[in-house]
Amino acid sequence: MGFDVRAALEGFDQPRLQALVETMFLAADADGELTEDERVELERSIQSVASGTPHEASLSGEGLAALLTQAQADLARDGRELRLEVVRNRLGDATACAGALGLAIRVTAADGQLRTSEREFLFDLAMALHVDQDEAADLVRELTRL
């Protein structure tokens, strides 16, 4: 993938951090069903990338639960399209967007299958994040070899 999430997190402010978590949440919820495997992978992925960074404490326990609760409330209030726009604006640069897409792919594939609705979401996410569709397809292929 070529994106070091941990290194990027060093310079992330709170809005960018929230955007990364929200991207991963939206991916886990892409098919409208957040399975137990996806929830566990979502939390594990977030905690894993935060480990050893200044954000480790805020991305575990109650801090992580609050971020995920906020993401769920924002989705219910605004809808997916607006939330994707907000995420893109908060992430900012192309490198952060590609990294967020890679993490989203891992979350959707956590249950051992990639449903059509999840695959469609990933390409919608790539478009919303301004990630080249060929690059997105390569990431999906690489990260979903199950």
C-alpha atoms as a PDB file:
ATOM      1  CA  MET A   1       0.000   0.000   0.000  1.00  0.00           C
ATOM      2  CA  GLY A   2       2.934   2.333   0.576  1.00  0.00           C
ATOM      3  CA  PHE A   3       1.236   4.236   3.412  1.00  0.00           C
ATOM      4  CA  ASP A   4       2.559   4.117   6.948  1.00  0.00           C
ATOM      5  CA  VAL A   5      -0.519   4.853   9.044  1.00  0.00           C
ATOM      6  CA  ARG A   6       1.428   5.061  12.284  1.00  0.00           C
ATOM      7  CA  ALA A   7       3.807   7.660  10.862  1.00  0.00           C
ATOM      8  CA  ALA A   8       0.900   9.664   9.501  1.00  0.00           C
ATOM      9  CA  LEU A   9      -0.894   9.553  12.844  1.00  0.00           C
ATOM     10  CA  GLU A  10       2.031  11.376  14.444  1.00  0.00           C
ATOM     11  CA  GLY A  11       0.941  14.534  12.634  1.00  0.00           C
ATOM     12  CA  PHE A  12      -2.811  13.992  12.705  1.00  0.00           C
ATOM     13  CA  ASP A  13      -4.906  16.511  14.560  1.00  0.00           C
ATOM     14  CA  GLN A  14      -8.208  15.467  16.141  1.00  0.00           C
ATOM     15  CA  PRO A  15     -10.386  16.166  13.038  1.00  0.00           C
ATOM     16  CA  ARG A  16      -8.126  14.029  10.802  1.00  0.00           C
ATOM     17  CA  LEU A  17      -8.051  11.300  13.413  1.00  0.00           C
ATOM     18  CA  GLN A  18     -11.850  11.326  13.605  1.00  0.00           C
ATOM     19  CA  ALA A  19     -12.012  11.152   9.807  1.00  0.00           C
ATOM     20  CA  LEU A  20      -9.810   8.062   9.728  1.00  0.00           C
ATOM     21  CA  VAL A  21     -11.924   6.330  12.376  1.00  0.00           C
ATOM     22  CA  GLU A  22     -15.121   7.364  10.591  1.00  0.00           C
ATOM     23  CA  THR A  23     -13.828   6.005   7.273  1.00  0.00           C
ATOM     24  CA  MET A  24     -13.185   2.655   8.895  1.00  0.00           C
ATOM     25  CA  PHE A  25     -16.603   2.712  10.574  1.00  0.00           C
ATOM     26  CA  LEU A  26     -18.352   3.508   7.266  1.00  0.00           C
ATOM     27  CA  ALA A  27     -16.541   0.588   5.660  1.00  0.00           C
ATOM     28  CA  ALA A  28     -17.543  -1.802   8.425  1.00  0.00           C
ATOM     29  CA  ASP A  29     -21.142  -0.669   7.994  1.00  0.00           C
ATOM     30  CA  ALA A  30     -20.998  -0.682   4.167  1.00  0.00           C
ATOM     31  CA  ASP A  31     -23.488  -3.514   3.761  1.00  0.00           C
ATOM     32  CA  GLY A  32     -25.799  -2.110   6.428  1.00  0.00           C
ATOM     33  CA  GLU A  33     -24.834  -4.899   8.805  1.00  0.00           C
ATOM     34  CA  LEU A  34     -21.961  -4.495  11.212  1.00  0.00           C
ATOM     35  CA  THR A  35     -21.095  -8.108  11.994  1.00  0.00           C
ATOM     36  CA  GLU A  36     -19.312  -9.127  15.168  1.00  0.00           C
ATOM     37  CA  ASP A  37     -16.215 -10.040  13.125  1.00  0.00           C
ATOM     38  CA  GLU A  38     -16.251  -6.626  11.449  1.00  0.00           C
ATOM     39  CA  ARG A  39     -16.730  -4.830  14.773  1.00  0.00           C
ATOM     40  CA  VAL A  40     -13.848  -6.727  16.342  1.00  0.00           C
ATOM     41  CA  GLU A  41     -11.637  -6.098  13.293  1.00  0.00           C
ATOM     42  CA  LEU A  42     -12.622  -2.430  13.286  1.00  0.00           C
ATOM     43  CA  GLU A  43     -11.625  -1.961  16.915  1.00  0.00           C
ATOM     44  CA  ARG A  44      -8.491  -4.095  16.516  1.00  0.00           C
ATOM     45  CA  SER A  45      -7.413  -2.201  13.406  1.00  0.00           C
ATOM     46  CA  ILE A  46      -7.920   1.168  15.011  1.00  0.00           C
ATOM     47  CA  GLN A  47      -6.079   0.184  18.177  1.00  0.00           C
ATOM     48  CA  SER A  48      -3.293  -1.428  16.166  1.00  0.00           C
ATOM     49  CA  VAL A  49      -2.560   1.644  14.075  1.00  0.00           C
ATOM     50  CA  ALA A  50      -2.727   3.861  17.162  1.00  0.00           C
ATOM     51  CA  SER A  51      -0.364   1.706  19.220  1.00  0.00           C
ATOM     52  CA  GLY A  52       2.772   3.642  20.084  1.00  0.00           C
ATOM     53  CA  THR A  53       1.444   6.950  18.767  1.00  0.00           C
ATOM     54  CA  PRO A  54       0.372  10.026  20.721  1.00  0.00           C
ATOM     55  CA  HIS A  55      -3.234   9.000  19.960  1.00  0.00           C
ATOM     56  CA  GLU A  56      -3.054   5.545  21.558  1.00  0.00           C
ATOM     57  CA  ALA A  57      -5.092   6.535  24.626  1.00  0.00           C
ATOM     58  CA  SER A  58      -7.790   8.381  22.675  1.00  0.00           C
ATOM     59  CA  LEU A  59      -8.199   5.418  20.296  1.00  0.00           C
ATOM     60  CA  SER A  60      -8.907   2.793  22.914  1.00  0.00           C
ATOM     61  CA  GLY A  61     -11.494   2.140  25.568  1.00  0.00           C
ATOM     62  CA  GLU A  62     -13.977   4.930  26.180  1.00  0.00           C
ATOM     63  CA  GLY A  63     -12.281   7.302  23.724  1.00  0.00           C
ATOM     64  CA  LEU A  64     -12.691   4.846  20.856  1.00  0.00           C
ATOM     65  CA  ALA A  65     -16.237   3.985  21.910  1.00  0.00           C
ATOM     66  CA  ALA A  66     -17.128   7.700  21.856  1.00  0.00           C
ATOM     67  CA  LEU A  67     -15.656   8.163  18.371  1.00  0.00           C
ATOM     68  CA  LEU A  68     -17.554   5.160  17.016  1.00  0.00           C
ATOM     69  CA  THR A  69     -20.794   6.304  18.659  1.00  0.00           C
ATOM     70  CA  GLN A  70     -20.319   9.742  17.095  1.00  0.00           C
ATOM     71  CA  ALA A  71     -19.653   8.206  13.674  1.00  0.00           C
ATOM     72  CA  GLN A  72     -22.837   6.165  13.933  1.00  0.00           C
ATOM     73  CA  ALA A  73     -24.877   9.225  14.955  1.00  0.00           C
ATOM     74  CA  ASP A  74     -23.374  11.331  12.151  1.00  0.00           C
ATOM     75  CA  LEU A  75     -24.219   8.654   9.590  1.00  0.00           C
ATOM     76  CA  ALA A  76     -27.802   8.406  10.821  1.00  0.00           C
ATOM     77  CA  ARG A  77     -28.192  12.199  10.764  1.00  0.00           C
ATOM     78  CA  ASP A  78     -26.372  13.119   7.534  1.00  0.00           C
ATOM     79  CA  GLY A  79     -26.336  10.018   5.338  1.00  0.00           C
ATOM     80  CA  ARG A  80     -23.359   8.306   3.743  1.00  0.00           C
ATOM     81  CA  GLU A  81     -22.746  10.751   0.891  1.00  0.00           C
ATOM     82  CA  LEU A  82     -22.322  13.787   3.130  1.00  0.00           C
ATOM     83  CA  ARG A  83     -20.198  11.852   5.618  1.00  0.00           C
ATOM     84  CA  LEU A  84     -17.845  10.779   2.805  1.00  0.00           C
ATOM     85  CA  GLU A  85     -17.444  14.414   1.783  1.00  0.00           C
ATOM     86  CA  VAL A  86     -16.677  15.413   5.371  1.00  0.00           C
ATOM     87  CA  VAL A  87     -14.139  12.587   5.688  1.00  0.00           C
ATOM     88  CA  ARG A  88     -12.381  13.618   2.468  1.00  0.00           C
ATOM     89  CA  ASN A  89     -12.135  17.231   3.569  1.00  0.00           C
ATOM     90  CA  ARG A  90     -10.764  16.283   6.981  1.00  0.00           C
ATOM     91  CA  LEU A  91      -8.218  13.778   5.667  1.00  0.00           C
ATOM     92  CA  GLY A  92      -6.897  16.348   3.245  1.00  0.00           C
ATOM     93  CA  ASP A  93      -4.025  14.931   1.249  1.00  0.00           C
ATOM     94  CA  ALA A  94      -3.902  12.060  -1.231  1.00  0.00           C
ATOM     95  CA  THR A  95      -1.590   9.930   0.910  1.00  0.00           C
ATOM     96  CA  ALA A  96      -3.915  10.025   3.915  1.00  0.00           C
ATOM     97  CA  CYS A  97      -6.906   9.263   1.671  1.00  0.00           C
ATOM     98  CA  ALA A  98      -5.202   6.238   0.090  1.00  0.00           C
ATOM     99  CA  GLY A  99      -4.222   4.972   3.531  1.00  0.00           C
ATOM    100  CA  ALA A 100      -7.776   5.390   4.812  1.00  0.00           C
ATOM    101  CA  LEU A 101      -9.031   3.429   1.799  1.00  0.00           C
ATOM    102  CA  GLY A 102      -6.569   0.621   2.546  1.00  0.00           C
ATOM    103  CA  LEU A 103      -7.749   0.413   6.139  1.00  0.00           C
ATOM    104  CA  ALA A 104     -11.376   0.445   4.975  1.00  0.00           C
ATOM    105  CA  ILE A 105     -10.662  -2.483   2.651  1.00  0.00           C
ATOM    106  CA  ARG A 106      -9.152  -4.498   5.497  1.00  0.00           C
ATOM    107  CA  VAL A 107     -12.193  -3.853   7.674  1.00  0.00           C
ATOM    108  CA  THR A 108     -14.680  -4.949   4.987  1.00  0.00           C
ATOM    109  CA  ALA A 109     -12.747  -8.149   4.348  1.00  0.00           C
ATOM    110  CA  ALA A 110     -12.482  -9.043   8.056  1.00  0.00           C
ATOM    111  CA  ASP A 111     -15.303 -11.578   7.961  1.00  0.00           C
ATOM    112  CA  GLY A 112     -13.619 -13.572   5.194  1.00  0.00           C
ATOM    113  CA  GLN A 113     -15.818 -12.373   2.363  1.00  0.00           C
ATOM    114  CA  LEU A 114     -16.331  -9.203   0.385  1.00  0.00           C
ATOM    115  CA  ARG A 115     -19.980  -8.727  -0.460  1.00  0.00           C
ATOM    116  CA  THR A 116     -21.063  -6.893  -3.591  1.00  0.00           C
ATOM    117  CA  SER A 117     -22.409  -4.006  -1.491  1.00  0.00           C
ATOM    118  CA  GLU A 118     -19.065  -3.734   0.303  1.00  0.00           C
ATOM    119  CA  ARG A 119     -17.113  -3.781  -2.962  1.00  0.00           C
ATOM    120  CA  GLU A 120     -19.391  -1.093  -4.387  1.00  0.00           C
ATOM    121  CA  PHE A 121     -18.914   0.992  -1.249  1.00  0.00           C
ATOM    122  CA  LEU A 122     -15.134   0.705  -1.537  1.00  0.00           C
ATOM    123  CA  PHE A 123     -15.194   2.063  -5.073  1.00  0.00           C
ATOM    124  CA  ASP A 124     -17.595   4.824  -4.001  1.00  0.00           C
ATOM    125  CA  LEU A 125     -15.193   5.576  -1.152  1.00  0.00           C
ATOM    126  CA  ALA A 126     -12.248   5.668  -3.546  1.00  0.00           C
ATOM    127  CA  MET A 127     -14.125   8.110  -5.749  1.00  0.00           C
ATOM    128  CA  ALA A 128     -15.120  10.269  -2.777  1.00  0.00           C
ATOM    129  CA  LEU A 129     -11.511  10.281  -1.549  1.00  0.00           C
ATOM    130  CA  HIS A 130     -10.202  11.071  -5.048  1.00  0.00           C
ATOM    131  CA  VAL A 131      -8.200   7.838  -5.192  1.00  0.00           C
ATOM    132  CA  ASP A 132      -7.609   6.613  -8.750  1.00  0.00           C
ATOM    133  CA  GLN A 133      -9.996   3.750  -9.590  1.00  0.00           C
ATOM    134  CA  ASP A 134      -7.186   1.539 -10.934  1.00  0.00           C
ATOM    135  CA  GLU A 135      -5.197   2.097  -7.732  1.00  0.00           C
ATOM    136  CA  ALA A 136      -8.334   1.309  -5.722  1.00  0.00           C
ATOM    137  CA  ALA A 137      -8.904  -1.910  -7.687  1.00  0.00           C
ATOM    138  CA  ASP A 138      -5.294  -2.950  -7.081  1.00  0.00           C
ATOM    139  CA  LEU A 139      -5.687  -2.278  -3.344  1.00  0.00           C
ATOM    140  CA  VAL A 140      -8.915  -4.271  -3.184  1.00  0.00           C
ATOM    141  CA  ARG A 141      -7.317  -7.176  -5.030  1.00  0.00           C
ATOM    142  CA  GLU A 142      -4.182  -7.096  -2.871  1.00  0.00           C
ATOM    143  CA  LEU A 143      -5.881  -6.669   0.500  1.00  0.00           C
ATOM    144  CA  THR A 144      -8.762  -9.112   0.006  1.00  0.00           C
ATOM    145  CA  ARG A 145      -6.824 -12.206  -0.987  1.00  0.00           C
ATOM    146  CA  LEU A 146      -8.604 -14.498   1.422  1.00  0.00           C
END
